[in-house]
Structure formats: C-alpha cells, structure tokens
Amino acid sequence: MSLEKWAEYGWLKAEPTSRDEIKSLLTIVGRDLRDANGNLRGSAIRGGV
C-alpha cells in the first residue's frame, strides 16, 4: 500500500517540519546507532530511557 493511499484513508497526514527538526532527529538516530553498536554507556542508558 502506498503512502498516498494511507493519506487518502485518513491514516496519515502531512505535517510541517524544519531543517532544525530534521537535524535534531538525525542526531538522535546517530546516537542510537552508536549505542546499538555496543556502547552500553550511551546517553539513553545514562538517562534511564
């Protein structure tokens, strides 16, 4: 099923974003990938997340 169909059925809607929001999300992804690579002292573990 395409994303267009999801939007047509009301299951998905477009939301505004910004360059800063995308940068922040990519930073989180990078951190999580480093943590998943065996670094158990990563920020998510220290933060109790």
N, C-alpha and C. Protein backbone atom coordinates (compact mmCIF):
# COMPACT_ATOMS: atom_id res chain seq x y z
N MET A 1 0.85 -1.18 0.00
CA MET A 1 0.00 0.00 0.00
C MET A 1 0.89 1.24 0.00
N SER A 2 0.53 2.22 -0.78
CA SER A 2 1.33 3.44 -0.90
C SER A 2 0.99 4.44 0.21
N LEU A 3 1.90 5.39 0.42
CA LEU A 3 1.64 6.45 1.39
C LEU A 3 0.46 7.31 0.95
N GLU A 4 0.30 7.44 -0.35
CA GLU A 4 -0.85 8.20 -0.86
C GLU A 4 -2.17 7.56 -0.43
N LYS A 5 -2.23 6.23 -0.45
CA LYS A 5 -3.45 5.53 -0.01
C LYS A 5 -3.67 5.74 1.49
N TRP A 6 -2.59 5.69 2.26
CA TRP A 6 -2.71 5.93 3.71
C TRP A 6 -3.31 7.31 3.95
N ALA A 7 -2.82 8.30 3.22
CA ALA A 7 -3.34 9.67 3.36
C ALA A 7 -4.81 9.73 2.92
N GLU A 8 -5.12 9.03 1.84
CA GLU A 8 -6.50 9.01 1.34
C GLU A 8 -7.45 8.44 2.38
N TYR A 9 -7.01 7.42 3.11
CA TYR A 9 -7.86 6.79 4.13
C TYR A 9 -7.85 7.53 5.46
N GLY A 10 -7.04 8.60 5.53
CA GLY A 10 -7.00 9.40 6.75
C GLY A 10 -6.08 8.84 7.82
N TRP A 11 -5.26 7.86 7.48
CA TRP A 11 -4.35 7.24 8.44
C TRP A 11 -3.04 8.01 8.56
N LEU A 12 -2.81 8.92 7.64
CA LEU A 12 -1.56 9.65 7.56
C LEU A 12 -1.86 11.07 7.12
N LYS A 13 -1.18 12.03 7.71
CA LYS A 13 -1.35 13.40 7.26
C LYS A 13 -0.01 14.11 7.25
N ALA A 14 0.15 15.03 6.33
CA ALA A 14 1.39 15.79 6.21
C ALA A 14 1.50 16.77 7.37
N GLU A 15 2.69 16.92 7.91
CA GLU A 15 2.95 17.86 8.98
C GLU A 15 4.12 18.75 8.56
N PRO A 16 4.07 20.01 8.93
CA PRO A 16 5.20 20.89 8.60
C PRO A 16 6.44 20.48 9.40
N THR A 17 7.60 20.70 8.83
CA THR A 17 8.86 20.41 9.51
C THR A 17 9.85 21.52 9.22
N SER A 18 10.99 21.42 9.79
CA SER A 18 12.03 22.43 9.56
C SER A 18 13.38 21.75 9.45
N ARG A 19 14.33 22.49 8.95
CA ARG A 19 15.69 21.98 8.84
C ARG A 19 16.23 21.61 10.22
N ASP A 20 15.93 22.43 11.23
CA ASP A 20 16.40 22.15 12.59
C ASP A 20 15.79 20.87 13.16
N GLU A 21 14.52 20.64 12.89
CA GLU A 21 13.87 19.42 13.38
C GLU A 21 14.52 18.18 12.75
N ILE A 22 14.76 18.22 11.46
CA ILE A 22 15.38 17.09 10.78
C ILE A 22 16.80 16.87 11.30
N LYS A 23 17.54 17.95 11.50
CA LYS A 23 18.90 17.84 12.04
C LYS A 23 18.87 17.19 13.42
N SER A 24 17.94 17.60 14.25
CA SER A 24 17.81 17.04 15.59
C SER A 24 17.48 15.54 15.55
N LEU A 25 16.56 15.17 14.67
CA LEU A 25 16.19 13.76 14.55
C LEU A 25 17.36 12.92 14.04
N LEU A 26 18.13 13.44 13.09
CA LEU A 26 19.29 12.71 12.59
C LEU A 26 20.37 12.57 13.67
N THR A 27 20.49 13.57 14.53
CA THR A 27 21.43 13.48 15.65
C THR A 27 21.03 12.35 16.59
N ILE A 28 19.74 12.24 16.87
CA ILE A 28 19.24 11.17 17.73
C ILE A 28 19.48 9.81 17.09
N VAL A 29 19.22 9.69 15.80
CA VAL A 29 19.46 8.43 15.09
C VAL A 29 20.94 8.05 15.17
N GLY A 30 21.82 9.00 14.94
CA GLY A 30 23.25 8.74 15.03
C GLY A 30 23.66 8.26 16.41
N ARG A 31 23.14 8.90 17.44
CA ARG A 31 23.43 8.50 18.81
C ARG A 31 22.94 7.08 19.08
N ASP A 32 21.71 6.80 18.65
CA ASP A 32 21.15 5.47 18.88
C ASP A 32 21.92 4.39 18.13
N LEU A 33 22.39 4.69 16.93
CA LEU A 33 23.18 3.71 16.18
C LEU A 33 24.52 3.46 16.87
N ARG A 34 25.13 4.49 17.41
CA ARG A 34 26.39 4.30 18.16
C ARG A 34 26.12 3.46 19.40
N ASP A 35 25.03 3.76 20.11
CA ASP A 35 24.68 2.99 21.31
C ASP A 35 24.41 1.53 20.97
N ALA A 36 23.75 1.29 19.86
CA ALA A 36 23.43 -0.08 19.45
C ALA A 36 24.68 -0.85 19.04
N ASN A 37 25.74 -0.14 18.77
CA ASN A 37 26.99 -0.77 18.35
C ASN A 37 27.81 -1.23 19.56
N GLY A 38 27.19 -1.40 20.71
CA GLY A 38 27.87 -1.96 21.87
C GLY A 38 28.26 -0.98 22.93
N ASN A 39 28.02 0.30 22.75
CA ASN A 39 28.36 1.29 23.76
C ASN A 39 27.23 1.36 24.77
N LEU A 40 27.31 0.55 25.82
CA LEU A 40 26.23 0.50 26.81
C LEU A 40 26.25 1.69 27.76
N ARG A 41 27.23 2.55 27.61
CA ARG A 41 27.29 3.75 28.45
C ARG A 41 26.73 4.95 27.70
N GLY A 42 25.95 4.72 26.66
CA GLY A 42 25.39 5.79 25.83
C GLY A 42 24.43 6.67 26.59
N SER A 43 24.09 7.78 26.00
CA SER A 43 23.26 8.78 26.67
C SER A 43 21.88 8.27 27.05
N ALA A 44 21.28 7.41 26.24
CA ALA A 44 19.94 6.90 26.57
C ALA A 44 20.01 6.02 27.81
N ILE A 45 21.06 5.22 27.93
CA ILE A 45 21.21 4.35 29.11
C ILE A 45 21.43 5.18 30.34
N ARG A 46 22.31 6.17 30.27
CA ARG A 46 22.58 7.04 31.42
C ARG A 46 21.33 7.80 31.83
N GLY A 47 20.52 8.20 30.85
CA GLY A 47 19.32 8.96 31.15
C GLY A 47 18.16 8.11 31.64
N GLY A 48 18.32 6.80 31.62
CA GLY A 48 17.27 5.92 32.10
C GLY A 48 16.12 5.76 31.13
N VAL A 49 16.38 6.04 29.87
CA VAL A 49 15.33 5.93 28.85
C VAL A 49 15.18 4.49 28.45
